[in-house]
Amino acid sequence: MPRRKWATRAELLERVELTKKMIEQSPGQNLTIASLSRIAGLSESHFIRLFGDTYGVSPRKMLSNQRMATAKILLVQGKDVTSVALEIGYLSVPTFCRRFKEAFGETPKDYKNRNLG
């Protein structure tokens, strides 16, 4: 019986790892807790709990962090703020700008200007 429990646990962790990879590789996709939990084959509450226990952060927070990290890269590459917002999955540029400023303490435009030199 313990062997079966281990196999089940390993399978669950594999499913959660798949969703983490999706978040990391596709920050601009319309990923929701509902879609990620379906991919993992778990209920939303079980998925959120297992993801948090595994990575120490909620799937929503990890997605947000990944989007912001990608935004910084794109801004330094010279892309305009509107393009960056849309590319990382924001439908509203003001919302993107507000979230960026909350995360980094400066607007995307200020960040871009400071880093393009």
Protein backbone atom coordinates (compact mmCIF):
# COMPACT_ATOMS: atom_id res chain seq x y z
CA MET A 1 0.00 0.00 0.00
CA PRO A 2 2.70 2.62 0.76
CA ARG A 3 4.16 2.01 -2.70
CA ARG A 4 0.86 2.96 -4.30
CA LYS A 5 0.61 6.09 -2.19
CA TRP A 6 4.11 7.10 -3.31
CA ALA A 7 3.18 6.57 -6.96
CA THR A 8 0.07 8.69 -6.52
CA ARG A 9 2.04 11.46 -4.83
CA ALA A 10 4.69 11.39 -7.56
CA GLU A 11 1.99 11.58 -10.23
CA LEU A 12 0.36 14.57 -8.54
CA LEU A 13 3.69 16.36 -8.30
CA GLU A 14 4.32 15.63 -11.99
CA ARG A 15 0.99 17.24 -12.87
CA VAL A 16 1.75 20.31 -10.79
CA GLU A 17 5.23 20.54 -12.35
CA LEU A 18 3.58 20.56 -15.79
CA THR A 19 1.48 23.58 -14.83
CA LYS A 20 4.55 25.35 -13.42
CA LYS A 21 6.35 24.83 -16.74
CA MET A 22 3.35 26.24 -18.59
CA ILE A 23 3.43 29.35 -16.40
CA GLU A 24 7.17 29.79 -16.97
CA GLN A 25 7.09 29.19 -20.72
CA SER A 26 3.89 31.03 -21.64
CA PRO A 27 3.32 34.02 -19.36
CA GLY A 28 1.18 35.69 -22.05
CA GLN A 29 -1.30 32.85 -22.36
CA ASN A 30 -4.69 33.27 -20.78
CA LEU A 31 -3.91 30.93 -17.89
CA THR A 32 -6.44 30.80 -15.11
CA ILE A 33 -6.63 28.77 -11.93
CA ALA A 34 -9.54 26.89 -13.51
CA SER A 35 -7.58 26.01 -16.66
CA LEU A 36 -4.43 25.07 -14.75
CA SER A 37 -6.35 22.89 -12.31
CA ARG A 38 -8.06 21.14 -15.24
CA ILE A 39 -4.67 20.47 -16.83
CA ALA A 40 -3.46 19.02 -13.53
CA GLY A 41 -6.67 16.99 -13.19
CA LEU A 42 -7.40 18.40 -9.76
CA SER A 43 -10.08 20.49 -8.16
CA GLU A 44 -9.18 24.17 -7.96
CA SER A 45 -8.81 24.14 -4.18
CA HIS A 46 -6.67 20.98 -4.20
CA PHE A 47 -4.53 22.36 -7.03
CA ILE A 48 -3.93 25.70 -5.26
CA ARG A 49 -3.05 23.94 -2.00
CA LEU A 50 -0.71 21.41 -3.65
CA PHE A 51 0.97 24.06 -5.81
CA GLY A 52 1.53 26.31 -2.80
CA ASP A 53 2.86 23.45 -0.69
CA THR A 54 5.22 22.44 -3.50
CA TYR A 55 6.58 25.84 -4.57
CA GLY A 56 5.88 28.08 -1.59
CA VAL A 57 3.82 30.50 -3.67
CA SER A 58 0.34 30.41 -5.15
CA PRO A 59 -0.04 29.69 -8.87
CA ARG A 60 -1.57 33.15 -9.35
CA LYS A 61 1.43 34.83 -7.69
CA MET A 62 3.90 32.74 -9.71
CA LEU A 63 2.12 33.72 -12.93
CA SER A 64 2.18 37.38 -11.91
CA ASN A 65 5.89 37.18 -11.03
CA GLN A 66 6.68 35.49 -14.34
CA ARG A 67 4.73 38.09 -16.29
CA MET A 68 6.55 40.93 -14.55
CA ALA A 69 9.97 39.32 -15.12
CA THR A 70 9.12 38.89 -18.81
CA ALA A 71 7.91 42.50 -18.98
CA LYS A 72 11.25 43.76 -17.69
CA ILE A 73 13.10 41.79 -20.36
CA LEU A 74 10.84 43.05 -23.15
CA LEU A 75 11.10 46.66 -21.99
CA VAL A 76 14.90 46.49 -21.96
CA GLN A 77 14.75 45.07 -25.49
CA GLY A 78 13.08 48.35 -26.48
CA LYS A 79 9.45 47.26 -26.89
CA ASP A 80 6.81 49.86 -26.15
CA VAL A 81 4.68 49.60 -23.01
CA THR A 82 1.45 48.78 -24.85
CA SER A 83 3.06 45.92 -26.79
CA VAL A 84 4.60 44.51 -23.64
CA ALA A 85 1.31 44.64 -21.75
CA LEU A 86 -0.51 42.76 -24.50
CA GLU A 87 2.31 40.26 -25.03
CA ILE A 88 2.35 39.20 -21.40
CA GLY A 89 -1.41 38.79 -21.19
CA TYR A 90 -2.79 42.08 -19.92
CA LEU A 91 -5.81 43.41 -21.78
CA SER A 92 -5.58 46.77 -20.04
CA VAL A 93 -2.43 48.89 -20.26
CA PRO A 94 -3.33 50.95 -17.14
CA THR A 95 -3.74 47.73 -15.14
CA PHE A 96 -0.36 46.50 -16.36
CA CYS A 97 1.26 49.83 -15.46
CA ARG A 98 -0.30 49.78 -11.99
CA ARG A 99 0.83 46.20 -11.32
CA PHE A 100 4.32 46.92 -12.64
CA LYS A 101 4.66 49.94 -10.35
CA GLU A 102 3.38 47.91 -7.37
CA ALA A 103 5.99 45.23 -8.11
CA PHE A 104 9.01 47.43 -8.85
CA GLY A 105 8.26 50.90 -7.51
CA GLU A 106 8.44 52.63 -10.89
CA THR A 107 6.38 52.80 -14.05
CA PRO A 108 7.24 50.60 -17.03
CA LYS A 109 8.17 53.71 -19.02
CA ASP A 110 10.54 54.92 -16.29
CA TYR A 111 12.08 51.44 -16.04
CA LYS A 112 12.56 51.27 -19.79
CA ASN A 113 14.12 54.75 -19.99
CA ARG A 114 16.45 54.06 -17.08
CA ASN A 115 17.65 50.77 -18.55
CA LEU A 116 17.99 51.79 -22.18
CA GLY A 117 20.36 54.52 -21.11
